[in-house]
Amino acid sequence: MKITLNAETREIQATTLDAAMRELGLTSQALATALNGAFVSRAKRAATPLNEGDRIEVLAPMQGG
């Protein structure tokens, strides 16, 4: 299915957010995710289904000061 990951169209086989993250190599525990503009906690990713055309945003925390 086609999804948009951080504004880039991607083709994936995964049907859940957790599986998509693994398929795309996004395995760090320190990543935040949003699906179609709504935050999805790490604990809920495995139960969050994906649909054709979904928009996924993945953000990594920044350090500094």
PDB file of N, CA and C in Angstrom:
ATOM      1  N   MET A   1       0.835  -1.176   0.000  1.00  0.00           N
ATOM      2  CA  MET A   1       0.000   0.000   0.000  1.00  0.00           C
ATOM      3  C   MET A   1       0.877   1.235   0.000  1.00  0.00           C
ATOM      4  N   LYS A   2       0.335   2.329  -0.502  1.00  0.00           N
ATOM      5  CA  LYS A   2       1.063   3.593  -0.513  1.00  0.00           C
ATOM      6  C   LYS A   2       0.698   4.400   0.717  1.00  0.00           C
ATOM      7  N   ILE A   3       1.734   4.895   1.383  1.00  0.00           N
ATOM      8  CA  ILE A   3       1.566   5.786   2.527  1.00  0.00           C
ATOM      9  C   ILE A   3       2.509   6.969   2.312  1.00  0.00           C
ATOM     10  N   THR A   4       2.375   7.982   3.122  1.00  0.00           N
ATOM     11  CA  THR A   4       3.307   9.105   3.090  1.00  0.00           C
ATOM     12  C   THR A   4       4.060   9.109   4.409  1.00  0.00           C
ATOM     13  N   LEU A   5       5.373   9.021   4.326  1.00  0.00           N
ATOM     14  CA  LEU A   5       6.235   9.032   5.512  1.00  0.00           C
ATOM     15  C   LEU A   5       7.043  10.315   5.496  1.00  0.00           C
ATOM     16  N   ASN A   6       6.788  11.189   6.462  1.00  0.00           N
ATOM     17  CA  ASN A   6       7.503  12.465   6.551  1.00  0.00           C
ATOM     18  C   ASN A   6       7.523  13.179   5.198  1.00  0.00           C
ATOM     19  N   ALA A   7       6.352  13.278   4.577  1.00  0.00           N
ATOM     20  CA  ALA A   7       6.127  13.990   3.314  1.00  0.00           C
ATOM     21  C   ALA A   7       6.711  13.282   2.087  1.00  0.00           C
ATOM     22  N   GLU A   8       7.103  12.022   2.221  1.00  0.00           N
ATOM     23  CA  GLU A   8       7.640  11.252   1.096  1.00  0.00           C
ATOM     24  C   GLU A   8       6.770  10.015   0.865  1.00  0.00           C
ATOM     25  N   THR A   9       6.299   9.826  -0.354  1.00  0.00           N
ATOM     26  CA  THR A   9       5.461   8.670  -0.668  1.00  0.00           C
ATOM     27  C   THR A   9       6.297   7.399  -0.624  1.00  0.00           C
ATOM     28  N   ARG A  10       5.773   6.388   0.049  1.00  0.00           N
ATOM     29  CA  ARG A  10       6.450   5.093   0.169  1.00  0.00           C
ATOM     30  C   ARG A  10       5.465   3.982  -0.109  1.00  0.00           C
ATOM     31  N   GLU A  11       5.962   2.869  -0.601  1.00  0.00           N
ATOM     32  CA  GLU A  11       5.170   1.664  -0.827  1.00  0.00           C
ATOM     33  C   GLU A  11       5.591   0.656   0.234  1.00  0.00           C
ATOM     34  N   ILE A  12       4.635   0.156   1.018  1.00  0.00           N
ATOM     35  CA  ILE A  12       4.944  -0.799   2.076  1.00  0.00           C
ATOM     36  C   ILE A  12       3.984  -1.983   2.020  1.00  0.00           C
ATOM     37  N   GLN A  13       4.375  -3.063   2.677  1.00  0.00           N
ATOM     38  CA  GLN A  13       3.534  -4.248   2.799  1.00  0.00           C
ATOM     39  C   GLN A  13       2.828  -4.301   4.153  1.00  0.00           C
ATOM     40  N   ALA A  14       3.374  -3.612   5.137  1.00  0.00           N
ATOM     41  CA  ALA A  14       2.871  -3.654   6.509  1.00  0.00           C
ATOM     42  C   ALA A  14       1.433  -3.156   6.605  1.00  0.00           C
ATOM     43  N   THR A  15       0.702  -3.692   7.578  1.00  0.00           N
ATOM     44  CA  THR A  15      -0.687  -3.279   7.781  1.00  0.00           C
ATOM     45  C   THR A  15      -0.918  -2.618   9.137  1.00  0.00           C
ATOM     46  N   THR A  16       0.125  -2.542   9.968  1.00  0.00           N
ATOM     47  CA  THR A  16       0.031  -1.820  11.237  1.00  0.00           C
ATOM     48  C   THR A  16       1.180  -0.823  11.324  1.00  0.00           C
ATOM     49  N   LEU A  17       1.031   0.161  12.173  1.00  0.00           N
ATOM     50  CA  LEU A  17       2.072   1.174  12.326  1.00  0.00           C
ATOM     51  C   LEU A  17       3.369   0.550  12.823  1.00  0.00           C
ATOM     52  N   ASP A  18       3.284  -0.349  13.787  1.00  0.00           N
ATOM     53  CA  ASP A  18       4.474  -1.006  14.322  1.00  0.00           C
ATOM     54  C   ASP A  18       5.215  -1.783  13.232  1.00  0.00           C
ATOM     55  N   ALA A  19       4.485  -2.555  12.442  1.00  0.00           N
ATOM     56  CA  ALA A  19       5.094  -3.341  11.360  1.00  0.00           C
ATOM     57  C   ALA A  19       5.703  -2.433  10.299  1.00  0.00           C
ATOM     58  N   ALA A  20       5.053  -1.318  10.010  1.00  0.00           N
ATOM     59  CA  ALA A  20       5.591  -0.367   9.032  1.00  0.00           C
ATOM     60  C   ALA A  20       6.904   0.229   9.520  1.00  0.00           C
ATOM     61  N   MET A  21       6.955   0.565  10.789  1.00  0.00           N
ATOM     62  CA  MET A  21       8.193   1.118  11.348  1.00  0.00           C
ATOM     63  C   MET A  21       9.342   0.129  11.196  1.00  0.00           C
ATOM     64  N   ARG A  22       9.078  -1.146  11.506  1.00  0.00           N
ATOM     65  CA  ARG A  22      10.116  -2.172  11.350  1.00  0.00           C
ATOM     66  C   ARG A  22      10.491  -2.342   9.881  1.00  0.00           C
ATOM     67  N   GLU A  23       9.510  -2.403   9.001  1.00  0.00           N
ATOM     68  CA  GLU A  23       9.769  -2.574   7.572  1.00  0.00           C
ATOM     69  C   GLU A  23      10.619  -1.433   7.015  1.00  0.00           C
ATOM     70  N   LEU A  24      10.395  -0.232   7.520  1.00  0.00           N
ATOM     71  CA  LEU A  24      11.127   0.941   7.047  1.00  0.00           C
ATOM     72  C   LEU A  24      12.445   1.161   7.788  1.00  0.00           C
ATOM     73  N   GLY A  25      12.780   0.267   8.711  1.00  0.00           N
ATOM     74  CA  GLY A  25      14.046   0.360   9.430  1.00  0.00           C
ATOM     75  C   GLY A  25      14.052   1.392  10.537  1.00  0.00           C
ATOM     76  N   LEU A  26      12.894   1.791  10.989  1.00  0.00           N
ATOM     77  CA  LEU A  26      12.778   2.791  12.048  1.00  0.00           C
ATOM     78  C   LEU A  26      12.562   2.070  13.378  1.00  0.00           C
ATOM     79  N   THR A  27      13.644   1.583  13.952  1.00  0.00           N
ATOM     80  CA  THR A  27      13.543   0.710  15.117  1.00  0.00           C
ATOM     81  C   THR A  27      13.988   1.339  16.435  1.00  0.00           C
ATOM     82  N   SER A  28      14.443   2.569  16.407  1.00  0.00           N
ATOM     83  CA  SER A  28      14.885   3.223  17.638  1.00  0.00           C
ATOM     84  C   SER A  28      13.716   3.381  18.610  1.00  0.00           C
ATOM     85  N   GLN A  29      13.966   3.149  19.880  1.00  0.00           N
ATOM     86  CA  GLN A  29      12.941   3.315  20.920  1.00  0.00           C
ATOM     87  C   GLN A  29      12.632   4.787  21.164  1.00  0.00           C
ATOM     88  N   ALA A  30      13.499   5.687  20.685  1.00  0.00           N
ATOM     89  CA  ALA A  30      13.360   7.112  20.979  1.00  0.00           C
ATOM     90  C   ALA A  30      12.628   7.878  19.874  1.00  0.00           C
ATOM     91  N   LEU A  31      11.766   7.212  19.113  1.00  0.00           N
ATOM     92  CA  LEU A  31      11.037   7.880  18.047  1.00  0.00           C
ATOM     93  C   LEU A  31       9.595   8.150  18.458  1.00  0.00           C
ATOM     94  N   ALA A  32       9.093   9.309  18.080  1.00  0.00           N
ATOM     95  CA  ALA A  32       7.688   9.650  18.288  1.00  0.00           C
ATOM     96  C   ALA A  32       6.972   9.494  16.954  1.00  0.00           C
ATOM     97  N   THR A  33       5.716   9.059  17.001  1.00  0.00           N
ATOM     98  CA  THR A  33       4.975   8.844  15.763  1.00  0.00           C
ATOM     99  C   THR A  33       3.615   9.523  15.805  1.00  0.00           C
ATOM    100  N   ALA A  34       3.179   9.944  14.621  1.00  0.00           N
ATOM    101  CA  ALA A  34       1.831  10.476  14.444  1.00  0.00           C
ATOM    102  C   ALA A  34       1.253   9.848  13.184  1.00  0.00           C
ATOM    103  N   LEU A  35      -0.017   9.535  13.233  1.00  0.00           N
ATOM    104  CA  LEU A  35      -0.718   8.968  12.095  1.00  0.00           C
ATOM    105  C   LEU A  35      -1.850   9.920  11.727  1.00  0.00           C
ATOM    106  N   ASN A  36      -1.772  10.457  10.521  1.00  0.00           N
ATOM    107  CA  ASN A  36      -2.776  11.422  10.046  1.00  0.00           C
ATOM    108  C   ASN A  36      -2.965  12.576  11.031  1.00  0.00           C
ATOM    109  N   GLY A  37      -1.841  13.025  11.604  1.00  0.00           N
ATOM    110  CA  GLY A  37      -1.856  14.177  12.490  1.00  0.00           C
ATOM    111  C   GLY A  37      -2.132  13.891  13.950  1.00  0.00           C
ATOM    112  N   ALA A  38      -2.405  12.632  14.307  1.00  0.00           N
ATOM    113  CA  ALA A  38      -2.699  12.282  15.705  1.00  0.00           C
ATOM    114  C   ALA A  38      -1.546  11.468  16.295  1.00  0.00           C
ATOM    115  N   PHE A  39      -1.058  11.886  17.455  1.00  0.00           N
ATOM    116  CA  PHE A  39       0.019  11.169  18.135  1.00  0.00           C
ATOM    117  C   PHE A  39      -0.391   9.729  18.410  1.00  0.00           C
ATOM    118  N   VAL A  40       0.560   8.798  18.182  1.00  0.00           N
ATOM    119  CA  VAL A  40       0.340   7.381  18.509  1.00  0.00           C
ATOM    120  C   VAL A  40       1.480   6.946  19.422  1.00  0.00           C
ATOM    121  N   SER A  41       1.165   6.535  20.633  1.00  0.00           N
ATOM    122  CA  SER A  41       2.205   6.105  21.571  1.00  0.00           C
ATOM    123  C   SER A  41       2.831   4.791  21.110  1.00  0.00           C
ATOM    124  N   ARG A  42       4.035   4.542  21.564  1.00  0.00           N
ATOM    125  CA  ARG A  42       4.748   3.305  21.223  1.00  0.00           C
ATOM    126  C   ARG A  42       3.910   2.079  21.595  1.00  0.00           C
ATOM    127  N   ALA A  43       3.237   2.141  22.730  1.00  0.00           N
ATOM    128  CA  ALA A  43       2.433   1.009  23.203  1.00  0.00           C
ATOM    129  C   ALA A  43       1.245   0.699  22.292  1.00  0.00           C
ATOM    130  N   LYS A  44       0.775   1.679  21.535  1.00  0.00           N
ATOM    131  CA  LYS A  44      -0.402   1.473  20.679  1.00  0.00           C
ATOM    132  C   LYS A  44      -0.071   1.218  19.216  1.00  0.00           C
ATOM    133  N   ARG A  45       1.198   1.282  18.848  1.00  0.00           N
ATOM    134  CA  ARG A  45       1.574   1.117  17.435  1.00  0.00           C
ATOM    135  C   ARG A  45       1.183  -0.241  16.860  1.00  0.00           C
ATOM    136  N   ALA A  46       1.351  -1.318  17.624  1.00  0.00           N
ATOM    137  CA  ALA A  46       1.044  -2.662  17.116  1.00  0.00           C
ATOM    138  C   ALA A  46      -0.444  -2.835  16.841  1.00  0.00           C
ATOM    139  N   ALA A  47      -1.280  -2.104  17.552  1.00  0.00           N
ATOM    140  CA  ALA A  47      -2.732  -2.223  17.380  1.00  0.00           C
ATOM    141  C   ALA A  47      -3.300  -1.128  16.475  1.00  0.00           C
ATOM    142  N   THR A  48      -2.426  -0.320  15.875  1.00  0.00           N
ATOM    143  CA  THR A  48      -2.878   0.776  15.022  1.00  0.00           C
ATOM    144  C   THR A  48      -2.809   0.360  13.556  1.00  0.00           C
ATOM    145  N   PRO A  49      -3.960   0.126  12.938  1.00  0.00           N
ATOM    146  CA  PRO A  49      -3.967  -0.309  11.536  1.00  0.00           C
ATOM    147  C   PRO A  49      -3.629   0.835  10.584  1.00  0.00           C
ATOM    148  N   LEU A  50      -3.074   0.474   9.442  1.00  0.00           N
ATOM    149  CA  LEU A  50      -2.785   1.444   8.391  1.00  0.00           C
ATOM    150  C   LEU A  50      -3.722   1.224   7.220  1.00  0.00           C
ATOM    151  N   ASN A  51      -3.993   2.308   6.520  1.00  0.00           N
ATOM    152  CA  ASN A  51      -4.832   2.266   5.328  1.00  0.00           C
ATOM    153  C   ASN A  51      -4.124   2.989   4.189  1.00  0.00           C
ATOM    154  N   GLU A  52      -4.488   2.636   2.988  1.00  0.00           N
ATOM    155  CA  GLU A  52      -3.954   3.288   1.799  1.00  0.00           C
ATOM    156  C   GLU A  52      -4.070   4.806   1.951  1.00  0.00           C
ATOM    157  N   GLY A  53      -2.959   5.501   1.699  1.00  0.00           N
ATOM    158  CA  GLY A  53      -2.961   6.957   1.741  1.00  0.00           C
ATOM    159  C   GLY A  53      -2.707   7.579   3.092  1.00  0.00           C
ATOM    160  N   ASP A  54      -2.510   6.765   4.138  1.00  0.00           N
ATOM    161  CA  ASP A  54      -2.243   7.327   5.467  1.00  0.00           C
ATOM    162  C   ASP A  54      -0.962   8.150   5.454  1.00  0.00           C
ATOM    163  N   ARG A  55      -0.922   9.144   6.353  1.00  0.00           N
ATOM    164  CA  ARG A  55       0.259   9.988   6.534  1.00  0.00           C
ATOM    165  C   ARG A  55       0.895   9.663   7.878  1.00  0.00           C
ATOM    166  N   ILE A  56       2.147   9.234   7.836  1.00  0.00           N
ATOM    167  CA  ILE A  56       2.891   8.913   9.054  1.00  0.00           C
ATOM    168  C   ILE A  56       4.003   9.941   9.217  1.00  0.00           C
ATOM    169  N   GLU A  57       4.095  10.495  10.406  1.00  0.00           N
ATOM    170  CA  GLU A  57       5.203  11.388  10.753  1.00  0.00           C
ATOM    171  C   GLU A  57       6.016  10.704  11.832  1.00  0.00           C
ATOM    172  N   VAL A  58       7.320  10.668  11.644  1.00  0.00           N
ATOM    173  CA  VAL A  58       8.231  10.066  12.630  1.00  0.00           C
ATOM    174  C   VAL A  58       9.245  11.136  13.003  1.00  0.00           C
ATOM    175  N   LEU A  59       9.366  11.372  14.299  1.00  0.00           N
ATOM    176  CA  LEU A  59      10.268  12.405  14.800  1.00  0.00           C
ATOM    177  C   LEU A  59      11.214  11.832  15.832  1.00  0.00           C
ATOM    178  N   ALA A  60      12.456  12.262  15.763  1.00  0.00           N
ATOM    179  CA  ALA A  60      13.460  11.872  16.753  1.00  0.00           C
ATOM    180  C   ALA A  60      13.714  13.077  17.657  1.00  0.00           C
ATOM    181  N   PRO A  61      13.896  12.841  18.960  1.00  0.00           N
ATOM    182  CA  PRO A  61      14.165  13.960  19.860  1.00  0.00           C
ATOM    183  C   PRO A  61      15.515  14.610  19.527  1.00  0.00           C
ATOM    184  N   MET A  62      15.564  15.908  19.754  1.00  0.00           N
ATOM    185  CA  MET A  62      16.809  16.648  19.517  1.00  0.00           C
ATOM    186  C   MET A  62      17.424  17.003  20.859  1.00  0.00           C
ATOM    187  N   GLN A  63      18.752  16.939  20.903  1.00  0.00           N
ATOM    188  CA  GLN A  63      19.447  17.316  22.132  1.00  0.00           C
ATOM    189  C   GLN A  63      20.164  18.637  21.901  1.00  0.00           C
ATOM    190  N   GLY A  64      20.408  19.296  22.956  1.00  0.00           N
ATOM    191  CA  GLY A  64      21.123  20.561  22.839  1.00  0.00           C
ATOM    192  C   GLY A  64      20.627  21.527  23.888  1.00  0.00           C
ATOM    193  N   GLY A  65      21.112  22.706  23.812  1.00  0.00           N
ATOM    194  CA  GLY A  65      20.657  23.637  24.829  1.00  0.00           C
ATOM    195  C   GLY A  65      20.988  25.014  24.571  1.00  0.00           C
TER     196      GLY A  65
END
